[in-house]
Amino acid sequence: MYKNKNPDGTLNICGNKVAALRKSLTPKVSQRKLADMLQLKGLDLDKNAIQRIESGKRFVTDIELKVIAENFNVTSDYVLGIKEI
């Protein structure tokens, strides 16, 4: 049987990395500000979507992953935890 959840019950593998990247920005960037930044890049996410992604309660599409990685100037593999910078 196919399972679409991580062993810990989260629905994505990039949420922790997205949160860490957001928190590492200076000046400090809120979830709302990140949502605004992504909307300027054409990705329609709101603050609640960012919160759900970071907490692992929301799936992340490949399109979203691509724009999120571009926003932080990192690769998708980095956001997924596959490669380090």
C-alpha atoms as a PDB file:
ATOM      1  CA  MET A   1       0.000   0.000   0.000  1.00  0.00           C
ATOM      2  CA  TYR A   2       1.319   3.462  -0.930  1.00  0.00           C
ATOM      3  CA  LYS A   3       1.778   5.901   1.907  1.00  0.00           C
ATOM      4  CA  ASN A   4       2.003   9.625   1.278  1.00  0.00           C
ATOM      5  CA  LYS A   5       3.108  10.632   4.770  1.00  0.00           C
ATOM      6  CA  ASN A   6       6.490  10.632   6.423  1.00  0.00           C
ATOM      7  CA  PRO A   7       7.055   8.230   9.308  1.00  0.00           C
ATOM      8  CA  ASP A   8       6.528  11.153  11.707  1.00  0.00           C
ATOM      9  CA  GLY A   9       3.139  11.924  10.131  1.00  0.00           C
ATOM     10  CA  THR A  10       4.167  15.076   8.272  1.00  0.00           C
ATOM     11  CA  LEU A  11       2.974  15.648   4.722  1.00  0.00           C
ATOM     12  CA  ASN A  12       6.178  17.117   3.305  1.00  0.00           C
ATOM     13  CA  ILE A  13       9.934  16.808   3.743  1.00  0.00           C
ATOM     14  CA  CYS A  14      10.831  20.441   3.146  1.00  0.00           C
ATOM     15  CA  GLY A  15       8.856  22.245   5.853  1.00  0.00           C
ATOM     16  CA  ASN A  16      11.652  22.337   8.418  1.00  0.00           C
ATOM     17  CA  LYS A  17      14.113  23.623   5.818  1.00  0.00           C
ATOM     18  CA  VAL A  18      11.676  26.316   4.629  1.00  0.00           C
ATOM     19  CA  ALA A  19      11.243  27.475   8.235  1.00  0.00           C
ATOM     20  CA  ALA A  20      15.003  27.483   8.821  1.00  0.00           C
ATOM     21  CA  LEU A  21      15.658  29.430   5.619  1.00  0.00           C
ATOM     22  CA  ARG A  22      12.980  31.988   6.475  1.00  0.00           C
ATOM     23  CA  LYS A  23      14.300  32.451  10.003  1.00  0.00           C
ATOM     24  CA  SER A  24      17.878  32.865   8.740  1.00  0.00           C
ATOM     25  CA  LEU A  25      17.001  35.907   6.646  1.00  0.00           C
ATOM     26  CA  THR A  26      18.010  39.352   7.820  1.00  0.00           C
ATOM     27  CA  PRO A  27      16.138  41.446   8.432  1.00  0.00           C
ATOM     28  CA  LYS A  28      13.786  38.964  10.061  1.00  0.00           C
ATOM     29  CA  VAL A  29      11.011  37.705   7.757  1.00  0.00           C
ATOM     30  CA  SER A  30       7.608  36.639   9.074  1.00  0.00           C
ATOM     31  CA  GLN A  31       5.458  33.953   7.506  1.00  0.00           C
ATOM     32  CA  ARG A  32       3.219  36.710   6.155  1.00  0.00           C
ATOM     33  CA  LYS A  33       6.196  38.530   4.609  1.00  0.00           C
ATOM     34  CA  LEU A  34       7.408  35.265   3.028  1.00  0.00           C
ATOM     35  CA  ALA A  35       3.936  34.720   1.566  1.00  0.00           C
ATOM     36  CA  ASP A  36       4.065  38.264   0.147  1.00  0.00           C
ATOM     37  CA  MET A  37       7.509  37.617  -1.353  1.00  0.00           C
ATOM     38  CA  LEU A  38       6.298  34.407  -2.996  1.00  0.00           C
ATOM     39  CA  GLN A  39       3.166  36.120  -4.321  1.00  0.00           C
ATOM     40  CA  LEU A  40       5.380  38.679  -6.064  1.00  0.00           C
ATOM     41  CA  LYS A  41       7.017  35.709  -7.816  1.00  0.00           C
ATOM     42  CA  GLY A  42       3.602  34.446  -8.954  1.00  0.00           C
ATOM     43  CA  LEU A  43       3.027  31.803  -6.276  1.00  0.00           C
ATOM     44  CA  ASP A  44      -0.374  32.242  -4.639  1.00  0.00           C
ATOM     45  CA  LEU A  45       0.261  31.264  -1.017  1.00  0.00           C
ATOM     46  CA  ASP A  46      -0.953  33.049   2.087  1.00  0.00           C
ATOM     47  CA  LYS A  47       0.435  33.156   5.633  1.00  0.00           C
ATOM     48  CA  ASN A  48      -1.646  30.149   6.667  1.00  0.00           C
ATOM     49  CA  ALA A  49      -0.244  28.068   3.793  1.00  0.00           C
ATOM     50  CA  ILE A  50       3.307  28.957   4.844  1.00  0.00           C
ATOM     51  CA  GLN A  51       2.513  27.989   8.437  1.00  0.00           C
ATOM     52  CA  ARG A  52       1.059  24.656   7.306  1.00  0.00           C
ATOM     53  CA  ILE A  53       4.053  23.948   5.037  1.00  0.00           C
ATOM     54  CA  GLU A  54       6.534  24.716   7.816  1.00  0.00           C
ATOM     55  CA  SER A  55       4.655  22.533  10.300  1.00  0.00           C
ATOM     56  CA  GLY A  56       4.358  19.659   7.808  1.00  0.00           C
ATOM     57  CA  LYS A  57       0.566  19.807   7.642  1.00  0.00           C
ATOM     58  CA  ARG A  58       0.430  20.662   3.926  1.00  0.00           C
ATOM     59  CA  PHE A  59       1.742  19.003   0.798  1.00  0.00           C
ATOM     60  CA  VAL A  60       4.125  21.047  -1.371  1.00  0.00           C
ATOM     61  CA  THR A  61       3.833  20.821  -5.149  1.00  0.00           C
ATOM     62  CA  ASP A  62       6.853  20.746  -7.419  1.00  0.00           C
ATOM     63  CA  ILE A  63       5.909  24.194  -8.743  1.00  0.00           C
ATOM     64  CA  GLU A  64       5.782  25.580  -5.200  1.00  0.00           C
ATOM     65  CA  LEU A  65       9.084  23.920  -4.330  1.00  0.00           C
ATOM     66  CA  LYS A  66      10.761  25.482  -7.368  1.00  0.00           C
ATOM     67  CA  VAL A  67       9.586  29.014  -6.536  1.00  0.00           C
ATOM     68  CA  ILE A  68      10.424  28.630  -2.838  1.00  0.00           C
ATOM     69  CA  ALA A  69      13.966  27.492  -3.692  1.00  0.00           C
ATOM     70  CA  GLU A  70      14.400  30.368  -6.156  1.00  0.00           C
ATOM     71  CA  ASN A  71      13.174  32.831  -3.534  1.00  0.00           C
ATOM     72  CA  PHE A  72      15.923  31.740  -1.136  1.00  0.00           C
ATOM     73  CA  ASN A  73      18.550  31.419  -3.913  1.00  0.00           C
ATOM     74  CA  VAL A  74      19.096  27.729  -3.186  1.00  0.00           C
ATOM     75  CA  THR A  75      18.416  24.548  -5.142  1.00  0.00           C
ATOM     76  CA  SER A  76      15.334  22.391  -4.804  1.00  0.00           C
ATOM     77  CA  ASP A  77      17.637  19.600  -3.638  1.00  0.00           C
ATOM     78  CA  TYR A  78      18.780  21.812  -0.769  1.00  0.00           C
ATOM     79  CA  VAL A  79      15.182  22.572   0.281  1.00  0.00           C
ATOM     80  CA  LEU A  80      14.471  18.839   0.163  1.00  0.00           C
ATOM     81  CA  GLY A  81      17.503  18.097   2.323  1.00  0.00           C
ATOM     82  CA  ILE A  82      19.231  16.097  -0.419  1.00  0.00           C
ATOM     83  CA  LYS A  83      22.260  18.379  -0.849  1.00  0.00           C
ATOM     84  CA  GLU A  84      23.905  21.028   1.253  1.00  0.00           C
ATOM     85  CA  ILE A  85      24.926  24.419  -0.072  1.00  0.00           C
END
